[in-house]
Protein backbone atom coordinates (compact mmCIF):
# COMPACT_ATOMS: atom_id res chain seq x y z
CA MET A 1 -21.86 -20.78 17.26
CA LYS A 2 -24.46 -17.98 17.46
CA ARG A 3 -22.02 -15.82 19.37
CA ILE A 4 -19.26 -16.46 16.92
CA PHE A 5 -21.61 -15.61 14.03
CA LEU A 6 -22.73 -12.36 15.62
CA LEU A 7 -19.09 -11.43 16.41
CA CYS A 8 -18.03 -12.04 12.77
CA CYS A 9 -20.97 -9.89 11.56
CA PHE A 10 -19.93 -7.14 13.96
CA CYS A 11 -16.32 -7.21 12.71
CA LEU A 12 -17.39 -7.13 9.07
CA GLY A 13 -19.61 -4.18 9.80
CA MET A 14 -16.70 -2.47 11.54
CA LEU A 15 -14.34 -3.02 8.56
CA LYS A 16 -16.98 -1.69 6.24
CA GLY A 17 -17.37 1.39 8.40
CA PHE A 18 -13.70 2.24 8.03
CA SER A 19 -13.86 2.24 4.18
CA GLN A 20 -14.45 5.31 2.15
CA THR A 21 -17.45 5.06 -0.20
CA TYR A 22 -15.86 6.37 -3.35
CA THR A 23 -13.50 5.28 -6.07
CA ILE A 24 -10.98 7.33 -8.04
CA SER A 25 -9.72 6.81 -11.52
CA GLN A 26 -6.77 8.76 -13.04
CA ASP A 27 -5.19 8.32 -16.39
CA TYR A 28 -1.93 9.81 -15.30
CA MET A 29 -1.72 11.74 -18.57
CA ASN A 30 0.55 14.70 -18.52
CA ALA A 31 -1.34 17.88 -19.65
CA VAL A 32 0.49 19.44 -22.56
CA GLY A 33 0.19 22.86 -24.13
CA ASP A 34 1.98 25.92 -25.38
CA PRO A 35 3.58 28.56 -23.14
CA GLY A 36 0.84 30.85 -21.93
CA ASP A 37 -1.94 28.17 -22.11
CA LEU A 38 -4.36 27.02 -19.36
CA MET A 39 -3.91 23.24 -19.11
CA LEU A 40 -6.12 20.76 -17.25
CA ASP A 41 -5.20 17.37 -15.81
CA THR A 42 -8.14 15.31 -14.73
CA ALA A 43 -9.18 12.50 -12.27
CA ARG A 44 -12.67 11.12 -11.70
CA LEU A 45 -14.28 10.39 -8.36
CA THR A 46 -17.35 8.24 -8.15
CA ASN A 47 -19.67 7.96 -5.14
CA THR A 48 -20.33 4.24 -4.82
CA SER A 49 -22.86 4.55 -1.97
CA SER A 50 -26.61 5.02 -1.94
CA ALA A 51 -26.33 8.37 -0.08
CA PRO A 52 -24.49 11.72 -0.79
CA ILE A 53 -20.96 11.95 0.60
CA ASN A 54 -18.99 15.05 1.54
CA ILE A 55 -15.36 15.24 0.43
CA TYR A 56 -12.45 17.65 0.69
CA ILE A 57 -9.97 18.29 -2.18
CA ILE A 58 -6.76 19.94 -0.85
CA ARG A 59 -3.72 21.18 -2.74
CA ILE A 60 -0.82 20.12 -0.51
CA LEU A 61 2.28 20.79 -2.74
CA ALA A 62 3.07 22.37 -6.09
CA SER A 63 6.32 22.61 -7.97
CA LEU A 64 5.99 25.27 -10.65
CA PRO A 65 8.15 27.17 -13.17
CA PRO A 66 8.41 30.87 -12.57
CA ASN A 67 5.19 32.88 -12.89
CA TRP A 68 3.00 29.79 -13.20
CA GLN A 69 -0.07 29.29 -11.03
CA THR A 70 -2.50 26.47 -10.30
CA CYS A 71 -6.13 26.39 -9.43
CA PHE A 72 -9.13 24.00 -9.13
CA CYS A 73 -11.32 24.07 -12.21
CA TYR A 74 -14.59 22.19 -11.47
CA PRO A 75 -17.14 23.27 -12.51
CA VAL A 76 -15.46 26.60 -13.07
CA CYS A 77 -11.89 27.80 -12.46
CA LEU A 78 -11.50 29.16 -8.96
CA SER A 79 -8.90 31.65 -7.67
CA PRO A 80 -5.38 30.28 -7.41
CA ALA A 81 -5.54 31.32 -3.75
CA VAL A 82 -8.13 28.59 -3.05
CA ASP A 83 -6.24 25.59 -1.71
CA THR A 84 -9.23 23.62 -0.15
CA LEU A 85 -12.36 22.65 -2.05
CA PRO A 86 -15.26 21.08 -0.14
CA TRP A 87 -17.73 19.15 -2.34
CA THR A 88 -20.98 17.11 -1.89
CA VAL A 89 -21.15 14.21 -4.35
CA PRO A 90 -24.66 12.82 -4.88
CA ALA A 91 -25.27 9.10 -4.58
CA GLY A 92 -23.98 7.16 -7.55
CA SER A 93 -22.63 10.35 -9.20
CA THR A 94 -19.18 10.99 -10.73
CA ILE A 95 -17.32 14.34 -10.60
CA ASP A 96 -14.18 15.48 -12.43
CA ILE A 97 -11.30 16.78 -10.32
CA CYS A 98 -9.49 19.17 -12.60
CA PRO A 99 -6.41 21.08 -11.41
CA GLY A 100 -5.61 23.84 -13.80
CA PHE A 101 -2.20 24.99 -14.61
CA PHE A 102 -1.74 28.63 -15.74
CA SER A 103 1.47 28.64 -17.67
CA ASP A 104 3.56 31.73 -18.43
CA ALA A 105 4.45 32.55 -22.03
CA SER A 106 8.00 33.47 -21.00
CA SER A 107 8.63 30.52 -18.74
CA PRO A 108 8.06 27.18 -20.49
CA GLY A 109 8.62 24.15 -18.32
CA PHE A 110 7.12 21.29 -16.28
CA ALA A 111 4.76 21.62 -13.35
CA ILE A 112 3.68 19.10 -10.72
CA GLU A 113 0.93 19.27 -8.08
CA TRP A 114 -0.05 16.96 -5.24
CA VAL A 115 -3.71 16.87 -4.25
CA ARG A 116 -5.09 15.17 -1.12
CA ILE A 117 -8.69 13.89 -1.19
CA TYR A 118 -10.72 12.44 1.64
CA GLN A 119 -14.29 11.74 2.62
CA VAL A 120 -15.47 13.55 5.76
CA GLY A 121 -15.11 11.13 8.64
CA TYR A 122 -12.31 9.19 6.96
CA GLU A 123 -9.42 11.74 7.16
CA ASN A 124 -6.91 9.02 7.99
CA ASN A 125 -7.70 7.16 4.79
CA ALA A 126 -7.03 10.07 2.44
CA ASP A 127 -5.81 9.56 -1.16
CA THR A 128 -3.06 11.55 -2.69
CA LEU A 129 -3.04 12.19 -6.41
CA VAL A 130 -0.30 13.65 -8.59
CA PHE A 131 -1.09 15.97 -11.50
CA THR A 132 1.35 17.31 -14.10
CA ALA A 133 1.51 19.83 -16.91
CA ASN A 134 4.16 20.56 -19.44
CA THR A 135 4.95 23.16 -22.16
CA GLY A 136 8.07 21.31 -23.21
CA VAL A 137 8.58 18.46 -25.63
CA MET A 138 7.50 14.79 -24.85
CA GLY A 139 7.06 15.48 -21.19
CA ILE A 140 10.59 16.84 -20.77
CA PRO A 141 11.03 20.16 -19.05
CA VAL A 142 12.38 22.93 -21.14
CA MET A 143 14.11 24.63 -18.19
CA ALA A 144 17.69 23.70 -17.33
CA GLN A 145 17.96 20.34 -15.63
CA PRO A 146 20.72 19.09 -13.42
CA LEU A 147 22.28 15.69 -14.42
CA VAL A 148 21.03 13.68 -11.44
CA HIS A 149 21.71 9.99 -10.58
CA ILE A 150 19.71 8.64 -7.55
CA TYR A 151 20.24 5.06 -6.31
CA PRO A 152 19.04 2.62 -5.14
CA ASN A 153 15.52 3.34 -6.05
CA PRO A 154 13.57 1.88 -4.32
CA PHE A 155 15.74 2.19 -1.24
CA VAL A 156 15.63 0.84 2.32
CA SER A 157 17.73 3.15 4.41
CA GLU A 158 20.50 4.95 2.60
CA LEU A 159 19.84 7.00 -0.59
CA HIS A 160 22.75 8.15 -2.75
CA ILE A 161 22.38 11.26 -4.94
CA ARG A 162 24.95 12.36 -7.45
CA VAL A 163 24.47 15.83 -9.10
CA SER A 164 26.97 16.20 -11.96
CA THR A 165 25.95 19.39 -13.71
CA GLY A 166 22.99 21.78 -14.05
CA GLY A 167 23.39 24.23 -11.20
CA ALA A 168 21.50 22.35 -8.41
CA ASP A 169 22.65 23.68 -5.03
CA HIS A 170 20.02 22.30 -2.61
CA LEU A 171 17.54 19.54 -2.30
CA ASP A 172 14.33 18.97 -0.28
CA ILE A 173 12.47 15.75 0.21
CA TYR A 174 8.65 15.76 0.73
CA ASP A 175 6.33 12.95 1.88
CA SER A 176 2.99 12.05 0.21
CA LYS A 177 1.18 14.67 2.38
CA GLY A 178 3.45 17.47 1.17
CA GLY A 179 5.39 17.67 4.38
CA LEU A 180 9.13 18.51 4.28
CA VAL A 181 11.03 15.54 5.74
CA HIS A 182 14.60 16.19 4.84
CA SER A 183 16.86 18.93 3.37
CA ALA A 184 20.49 18.81 2.26
CA ASP A 185 23.11 20.96 0.52
CA CYS A 186 24.31 19.29 -2.75
CA ARG A 187 26.52 22.16 -4.06
CA ASP A 188 29.96 20.95 -5.25
CA GLN A 189 29.66 17.79 -3.17
CA GLY A 190 29.83 15.15 -5.99
CA GLU A 191 27.78 12.46 -4.23
CA VAL A 192 25.48 13.04 -1.27
CA ARG A 193 24.66 10.07 1.01
CA LEU A 194 21.39 10.45 3.00
CA ASP A 195 20.44 8.27 5.93
CA LEU A 196 16.61 8.03 5.67
CA GLY A 197 16.10 4.79 7.47
CA ASP A 198 13.77 6.49 9.97
CA LEU A 199 11.27 7.48 7.20
CA PRO A 200 8.16 5.26 6.81
CA ALA A 201 7.72 3.29 3.66
CA GLY A 202 6.13 5.26 0.79
CA ILE A 203 6.64 7.53 -2.16
CA TYR A 204 8.75 10.70 -1.75
CA LEU A 205 9.42 13.69 -3.97
CA VAL A 206 13.02 15.03 -4.14
CA ARG A 207 13.07 18.63 -5.33
CA PHE A 208 16.33 20.24 -6.47
CA SER A 209 16.79 23.99 -6.57
CA GLY A 210 19.59 26.38 -7.34
CA ALA A 211 20.66 29.74 -8.86
CA GLU A 212 20.64 28.33 -12.36
CA ILE A 213 17.41 26.33 -12.29
CA SER A 214 13.89 27.04 -11.10
CA SER A 215 13.31 23.52 -9.65
CA TYR A 216 13.66 19.93 -10.75
CA THR A 217 11.82 16.96 -9.18
CA HIS A 218 12.53 13.25 -8.92
CA TRP A 219 10.47 10.45 -7.44
CA VAL A 220 11.88 7.88 -5.00
CA ILE A 221 10.35 4.93 -3.24
CA LYS A 222 11.12 3.92 0.39
CA ARG A 223 10.58 0.34 1.30
């Protein structure tokens, strides 16, 4: 019994060791402003341990209207060229993670950014957050949008995409780490059937582009 008890304690200790020691809260509120504004979307990270932790905040993907830029704004706005932000969070403290969206006065629209966060030593347990900003109305992009029908969503292996109007010529699919996993031509094809059965389960971003649109994104879930 003593050996079994010691083995259980060891296993619990190992499981605890593989857990990151922070929590993240995000309201998933779309940052809204006027064309030309700087808009901030926010998440909060709390160190739940009794010691300081080191984290990395990494911008992995951004889909922006023309002439827009993004940056990290905590505690001050950094250069848009900075994609990686190391941070030391004191024990029991909370920090705000604030991607800033610099919109362009002549290019209203909708922007989306994926940010990867992990504690040093726990890179394989990273969190991926999605931040958005909009200078349109009620969260709808002002830029031209293709009329898109994607089904089934969630999907298991085959994904059907029908682009009716709007000038979308090409689509790219990105995983939650911002990696490009599939591309296809959707110009004048009516319905595109994609065999994505080899992809792991998760959330994917489908981004449409073309001569008549800047970009248009859609979320899909792979089971």
